[in-house]
Amino acid sequence: MNGDYCTREGAERIKKKIEEYWSDRGRDVHVDLVQGGFLASMRSARTDIRSNMINGVPVASEENYA
């Protein structure tokens, strides 16, 4: 299923898109995939995406101010 982003494969596609998007703009973003537990409402396990961004924007690093 192409639109299922809660699976490990879907989460990996999103991770790659996020990293490529910000890399193309000269920003270094770290994205991690975290295996979540089983959810009865989804009837499956899920994979969460975590990053070092705040509100979807990369955190300013000291090298950006050099």
PDB file of N, CA and C in Angstrom:
ATOM      1  N   MET A   1       0.854  -1.178   0.000  1.00  0.00           N
ATOM      2  CA  MET A   1       0.000   0.000   0.000  1.00  0.00           C
ATOM      3  C   MET A   1       0.899   1.241   0.000  1.00  0.00           C
ATOM      4  N   ASN A   2       0.789   2.070  -0.991  1.00  0.00           N
ATOM      5  CA  ASN A   2       1.646   3.237  -1.157  1.00  0.00           C
ATOM      6  C   ASN A   2       1.384   4.346  -0.156  1.00  0.00           C
ATOM      7  N   GLY A   3       0.152   4.564   0.236  1.00  0.00           N
ATOM      8  CA  GLY A   3      -0.192   5.670   1.120  1.00  0.00           C
ATOM      9  C   GLY A   3      -0.116   5.327   2.600  1.00  0.00           C
ATOM     10  N   ASP A   4       0.317   4.121   2.936  1.00  0.00           N
ATOM     11  CA  ASP A   4       0.384   3.717   4.330  1.00  0.00           C
ATOM     12  C   ASP A   4       1.728   4.118   4.906  1.00  0.00           C
ATOM     13  N   TYR A   5       1.749   5.194   5.668  1.00  0.00           N
ATOM     14  CA  TYR A   5       2.988   5.708   6.222  1.00  0.00           C
ATOM     15  C   TYR A   5       3.221   5.254   7.657  1.00  0.00           C
ATOM     16  N   CYS A   6       2.370   4.408   8.194  1.00  0.00           N
ATOM     17  CA  CYS A   6       2.554   3.910   9.554  1.00  0.00           C
ATOM     18  C   CYS A   6       3.379   2.627   9.580  1.00  0.00           C
ATOM     19  N   THR A   7       3.581   2.008   8.438  1.00  0.00           N
ATOM     20  CA  THR A   7       4.416   0.816   8.372  1.00  0.00           C
ATOM     21  C   THR A   7       5.886   1.220   8.373  1.00  0.00           C
ATOM     22  N   ARG A   8       6.759   0.286   8.608  1.00  0.00           N
ATOM     23  CA  ARG A   8       8.200   0.568   8.593  1.00  0.00           C
ATOM     24  C   ARG A   8       8.616   1.091   7.219  1.00  0.00           C
ATOM     25  N   GLU A   9       8.127   0.472   6.154  1.00  0.00           N
ATOM     26  CA  GLU A   9       8.483   0.898   4.800  1.00  0.00           C
ATOM     27  C   GLU A   9       7.990   2.305   4.507  1.00  0.00           C
ATOM     28  N   GLY A  10       6.770   2.614   4.929  1.00  0.00           N
ATOM     29  CA  GLY A  10       6.223   3.953   4.725  1.00  0.00           C
ATOM     30  C   GLY A  10       6.988   5.001   5.506  1.00  0.00           C
ATOM     31  N   ALA A  11       7.337   4.660   6.744  1.00  0.00           N
ATOM     32  CA  ALA A  11       8.105   5.585   7.574  1.00  0.00           C
ATOM     33  C   ALA A  11       9.487   5.825   6.973  1.00  0.00           C
ATOM     34  N   GLU A  12      10.093   4.797   6.409  1.00  0.00           N
ATOM     35  CA  GLU A  12      11.399   4.966   5.756  1.00  0.00           C
ATOM     36  C   GLU A  12      11.301   5.894   4.552  1.00  0.00           C
ATOM     37  N   ARG A  13      10.179   5.823   3.813  1.00  0.00           N
ATOM     38  CA  ARG A  13       9.983   6.733   2.666  1.00  0.00           C
ATOM     39  C   ARG A  13       9.875   8.181   3.144  1.00  0.00           C
ATOM     40  N   ILE A  14       9.137   8.406   4.221  1.00  0.00           N
ATOM     41  CA  ILE A  14       8.996   9.760   4.757  1.00  0.00           C
ATOM     42  C   ILE A  14      10.338  10.264   5.275  1.00  0.00           C
ATOM     43  N   LYS A  15      11.061   9.424   5.994  1.00  0.00           N
ATOM     44  CA  LYS A  15      12.383   9.787   6.529  1.00  0.00           C
ATOM     45  C   LYS A  15      13.286  10.258   5.398  1.00  0.00           C
ATOM     46  N   LYS A  16      13.316   9.502   4.318  1.00  0.00           N
ATOM     47  CA  LYS A  16      14.163   9.843   3.171  1.00  0.00           C
ATOM     48  C   LYS A  16      13.730  11.175   2.547  1.00  0.00           C
ATOM     49  N   LYS A  17      12.425  11.381   2.401  1.00  0.00           N
ATOM     50  CA  LYS A  17      11.918  12.631   1.825  1.00  0.00           C
ATOM     51  C   LYS A  17      12.287  13.839   2.678  1.00  0.00           C
ATOM     52  N   ILE A  18      12.143  13.703   3.993  1.00  0.00           N
ATOM     53  CA  ILE A  18      12.462  14.809   4.904  1.00  0.00           C
ATOM     54  C   ILE A  18      13.945  15.144   4.821  1.00  0.00           C
ATOM     55  N   GLU A  19      14.786  14.116   4.912  1.00  0.00           N
ATOM     56  CA  GLU A  19      16.225  14.342   4.880  1.00  0.00           C
ATOM     57  C   GLU A  19      16.670  14.942   3.545  1.00  0.00           C
ATOM     58  N   GLU A  20      16.132  14.448   2.431  1.00  0.00           N
ATOM     59  CA  GLU A  20      16.492  14.989   1.117  1.00  0.00           C
ATOM     60  C   GLU A  20      16.017  16.432   0.958  1.00  0.00           C
ATOM     61  N   TYR A  21      14.805  16.720   1.416  1.00  0.00           N
ATOM     62  CA  TYR A  21      14.251  18.065   1.303  1.00  0.00           C
ATOM     63  C   TYR A  21      15.171  19.079   1.976  1.00  0.00           C
ATOM     64  N   TRP A  22      15.543  18.808   3.224  1.00  0.00           N
ATOM     65  CA  TRP A  22      16.359  19.763   3.957  1.00  0.00           C
ATOM     66  C   TRP A  22      17.809  19.757   3.495  1.00  0.00           C
ATOM     67  N   SER A  23      18.301  18.622   3.037  1.00  0.00           N
ATOM     68  CA  SER A  23      19.668  18.560   2.500  1.00  0.00           C
ATOM     69  C   SER A  23      19.791  19.431   1.251  1.00  0.00           C
ATOM     70  N   ASP A  24      18.767  19.414   0.408  1.00  0.00           N
ATOM     71  CA  ASP A  24      18.755  20.251  -0.802  1.00  0.00           C
ATOM     72  C   ASP A  24      18.789  21.738  -0.455  1.00  0.00           C
ATOM     73  N   ARG A  25      18.395  22.068   0.769  1.00  0.00           N
ATOM     74  CA  ARG A  25      18.381  23.461   1.222  1.00  0.00           C
ATOM     75  C   ARG A  25      19.554  23.773   2.144  1.00  0.00           C
ATOM     76  N   GLY A  26      20.528  22.849   2.189  1.00  0.00           N
ATOM     77  CA  GLY A  26      21.740  23.078   2.953  1.00  0.00           C
ATOM     78  C   GLY A  26      21.613  22.891   4.451  1.00  0.00           C
ATOM     79  N   ARG A  27      20.592  22.180   4.877  1.00  0.00           N
ATOM     80  CA  ARG A  27      20.373  21.984   6.318  1.00  0.00           C
ATOM     81  C   ARG A  27      20.568  20.510   6.660  1.00  0.00           C
ATOM     82  N   ASP A  28      21.124  20.259   7.831  1.00  0.00           N
ATOM     83  CA  ASP A  28      21.356  18.902   8.314  1.00  0.00           C
ATOM     84  C   ASP A  28      20.270  18.546   9.312  1.00  0.00           C
ATOM     85  N   VAL A  29      19.437  17.586   8.958  1.00  0.00           N
ATOM     86  CA  VAL A  29      18.336  17.154   9.815  1.00  0.00           C
ATOM     87  C   VAL A  29      18.545  15.682  10.148  1.00  0.00           C
ATOM     88  N   HIS A  30      18.367  15.338  11.414  1.00  0.00           N
ATOM     89  CA  HIS A  30      18.489  13.951  11.849  1.00  0.00           C
ATOM     90  C   HIS A  30      17.096  13.393  12.089  1.00  0.00           C
ATOM     91  N   VAL A  31      16.760  12.322  11.380  1.00  0.00           N
ATOM     92  CA  VAL A  31      15.454  11.681  11.510  1.00  0.00           C
ATOM     93  C   VAL A  31      15.678  10.245  11.972  1.00  0.00           C
ATOM     94  N   ASP A  32      14.968   9.852  13.021  1.00  0.00           N
ATOM     95  CA  ASP A  32      15.050   8.496  13.546  1.00  0.00           C
ATOM     96  C   ASP A  32      13.693   7.824  13.418  1.00  0.00           C
ATOM     97  N   LEU A  33      13.719   6.511  13.214  1.00  0.00           N
ATOM     98  CA  LEU A  33      12.499   5.716  13.195  1.00  0.00           C
ATOM     99  C   LEU A  33      12.442   4.921  14.489  1.00  0.00           C
ATOM    100  N   VAL A  34      11.287   4.984  15.159  1.00  0.00           N
ATOM    101  CA  VAL A  34      11.102   4.311  16.442  1.00  0.00           C
ATOM    102  C   VAL A  34       9.931   3.345  16.296  1.00  0.00           C
ATOM    103  N   GLN A  35      10.204   2.085  16.569  1.00  0.00           N
ATOM    104  CA  GLN A  35       9.143   1.082  16.478  1.00  0.00           C
ATOM    105  C   GLN A  35       8.169   1.279  17.628  1.00  0.00           C
ATOM    106  N   GLY A  36       6.908   1.571  17.292  1.00  0.00           N
ATOM    107  CA  GLY A  36       5.870   1.745  18.302  1.00  0.00           C
ATOM    108  C   GLY A  36       5.196   0.424  18.593  1.00  0.00           C
ATOM    109  N   GLY A  37       4.403   0.406  19.608  1.00  0.00           N
ATOM    110  CA  GLY A  37       3.715  -0.815  19.989  1.00  0.00           C
ATOM    111  C   GLY A  37       2.452  -1.045  19.176  1.00  0.00           C
ATOM    112  N   PHE A  38       1.793  -2.144  19.472  1.00  0.00           N
ATOM    113  CA  PHE A  38       0.542  -2.501  18.812  1.00  0.00           C
ATOM    114  C   PHE A  38      -0.560  -1.556  19.272  1.00  0.00           C
ATOM    115  N   LEU A  39      -1.344  -1.063  18.325  1.00  0.00           N
ATOM    116  CA  LEU A  39      -2.500  -0.214  18.640  1.00  0.00           C
ATOM    117  C   LEU A  39      -3.770  -0.929  18.208  1.00  0.00           C
ATOM    118  N   ALA A  40      -4.656  -1.132  19.151  1.00  0.00           N
ATOM    119  CA  ALA A  40      -5.908  -1.805  18.840  1.00  0.00           C
ATOM    120  C   ALA A  40      -6.714  -1.019  17.811  1.00  0.00           C
ATOM    121  N   SER A  41      -6.668   0.313  17.883  1.00  0.00           N
ATOM    122  CA  SER A  41      -7.450   1.140  16.951  1.00  0.00           C
ATOM    123  C   SER A  41      -6.967   0.987  15.510  1.00  0.00           C
ATOM    124  N   MET A  42      -5.667   0.727  15.335  1.00  0.00           N
ATOM    125  CA  MET A  42      -5.119   0.528  13.986  1.00  0.00           C
ATOM    126  C   MET A  42      -5.074  -0.957  13.620  1.00  0.00           C
ATOM    127  N   ARG A  43      -5.218  -1.789  14.610  1.00  0.00           N
ATOM    128  CA  ARG A  43      -5.095  -3.238  14.467  1.00  0.00           C
ATOM    129  C   ARG A  43      -3.729  -3.649  13.925  1.00  0.00           C
ATOM    130  N   SER A  44      -2.706  -2.894  14.307  1.00  0.00           N
ATOM    131  CA  SER A  44      -1.342  -3.208  13.889  1.00  0.00           C
ATOM    132  C   SER A  44      -0.357  -2.408  14.739  1.00  0.00           C
ATOM    133  N   ALA A  45       0.913  -2.721  14.565  1.00  0.00           N
ATOM    134  CA  ALA A  45       1.961  -1.926  15.183  1.00  0.00           C
ATOM    135  C   ALA A  45       2.243  -0.744  14.265  1.00  0.00           C
ATOM    136  N   ARG A  46       2.994   0.212  14.753  1.00  0.00           N
ATOM    137  CA  ARG A  46       3.292   1.382  13.939  1.00  0.00           C
ATOM    138  C   ARG A  46       4.764   1.730  14.090  1.00  0.00           C
ATOM    139  N   THR A  47       5.263   2.562  13.198  1.00  0.00           N
ATOM    140  CA  THR A  47       6.618   3.098  13.293  1.00  0.00           C
ATOM    141  C   THR A  47       6.498   4.604  13.371  1.00  0.00           C
ATOM    142  N   ASP A  48       7.068   5.185  14.422  1.00  0.00           N
ATOM    143  CA  ASP A  48       7.029   6.631  14.626  1.00  0.00           C
ATOM    144  C   ASP A  48       8.269   7.276  14.036  1.00  0.00           C
ATOM    145  N   ILE A  49       8.142   8.524  13.634  1.00  0.00           N
ATOM    146  CA  ILE A  49       9.251   9.294  13.079  1.00  0.00           C
ATOM    147  C   ILE A  49       9.581  10.398  14.066  1.00  0.00           C
ATOM    148  N   ARG A  50      10.856  10.471  14.447  1.00  0.00           N
ATOM    149  CA  ARG A  50      11.313  11.495  15.384  1.00  0.00           C
ATOM    150  C   ARG A  50      12.462  12.253  14.728  1.00  0.00           C
ATOM    151  N   SER A  51      12.542  13.535  14.976  1.00  0.00           N
ATOM    152  CA  SER A  51      13.624  14.323  14.389  1.00  0.00           C
ATOM    153  C   SER A  51      14.100  15.374  15.383  1.00  0.00           C
ATOM    154  N   ASN A  52      15.171  16.056  15.010  1.00  0.00           N
ATOM    155  CA  ASN A  52      15.697  17.131  15.837  1.00  0.00           C
ATOM    156  C   ASN A  52      15.122  18.491  15.416  1.00  0.00           C
ATOM    157  N   MET A  53      14.053  18.481  14.646  1.00  0.00           N
ATOM    158  CA  MET A  53      13.422  19.729  14.215  1.00  0.00           C
ATOM    159  C   MET A  53      12.437  20.221  15.280  1.00  0.00           C
ATOM    160  N   ILE A  54      12.141  21.502  15.234  1.00  0.00           N
ATOM    161  CA  ILE A  54      11.127  22.094  16.099  1.00  0.00           C
ATOM    162  C   ILE A  54      10.060  22.692  15.200  1.00  0.00           C
ATOM    163  N   ASN A  55       8.821  22.245  15.381  1.00  0.00           N
ATOM    164  CA  ASN A  55       7.698  22.689  14.547  1.00  0.00           C
ATOM    165  C   ASN A  55       7.979  22.495  13.063  1.00  0.00           C
ATOM    166  N   GLY A  56       8.677  21.404  12.723  1.00  0.00           N
ATOM    167  CA  GLY A  56       8.940  21.076  11.327  1.00  0.00           C
ATOM    168  C   GLY A  56      10.061  21.863  10.681  1.00  0.00           C
ATOM    169  N   VAL A  57      10.815  22.612  11.494  1.00  0.00           N
ATOM    170  CA  VAL A  57      11.911  23.432  10.969  1.00  0.00           C
ATOM    171  C   VAL A  57      13.206  23.007  11.653  1.00  0.00           C
ATOM    172  N   PRO A  58      14.290  22.864  10.892  1.00  0.00           N
ATOM    173  CA  PRO A  58      15.571  22.481  11.508  1.00  0.00           C
ATOM    174  C   PRO A  58      15.993  23.476  12.579  1.00  0.00           C
ATOM    175  N   VAL A  59      16.600  22.950  13.620  1.00  0.00           N
ATOM    176  CA  VAL A  59      17.112  23.769  14.705  1.00  0.00           C
ATOM    177  C   VAL A  59      18.358  24.492  14.212  1.00  0.00           C
ATOM    178  N   ALA A  60      18.471  25.761  14.522  1.00  0.00           N
ATOM    179  CA  ALA A  60      19.650  26.538  14.118  1.00  0.00           C
ATOM    180  C   ALA A  60      20.868  26.013  14.868  1.00  0.00           C
ATOM    181  N   SER A  61      21.947  25.789  14.147  1.00  0.00           N
ATOM    182  CA  SER A  61      23.176  25.337  14.783  1.00  0.00           C
ATOM    183  C   SER A  61      24.153  26.485  14.843  1.00  0.00           C
ATOM    184  N   GLU A  62      25.187  26.331  15.666  1.00  0.00           N
ATOM    185  CA  GLU A  62      26.193  27.386  15.814  1.00  0.00           C
ATOM    186  C   GLU A  62      26.917  27.664  14.510  1.00  0.00           C
ATOM    187  N   GLU A  63      27.085  26.639  13.661  1.00  0.00           N
ATOM    188  CA  GLU A  63      27.797  26.857  12.400  1.00  0.00           C
ATOM    189  C   GLU A  63      27.016  27.756  11.443  1.00  0.00           C
ATOM    190  N   ASN A  64      25.693  27.876  11.653  1.00  0.00           N
ATOM    191  CA  ASN A  64      24.888  28.779  10.818  1.00  0.00           C
ATOM    192  C   ASN A  64      25.184  30.237  11.148  1.00  0.00           C
ATOM    193  N   TYR A  65      25.789  30.480  12.325  1.00  0.00           N
ATOM    194  CA  TYR A  65      26.071  31.851  12.742  1.00  0.00           C
ATOM    195  C   TYR A  65      27.534  32.233  12.567  1.00  0.00           C
ATOM    196  N   ALA A  66      28.339  31.316  12.058  1.00  0.00           N
ATOM    197  CA  ALA A  66      29.787  31.596  11.904  1.00  0.00           C
ATOM    198  C   ALA A  66      30.047  32.523  10.739  1.00  0.00           C
TER     199      ALA A  66
END
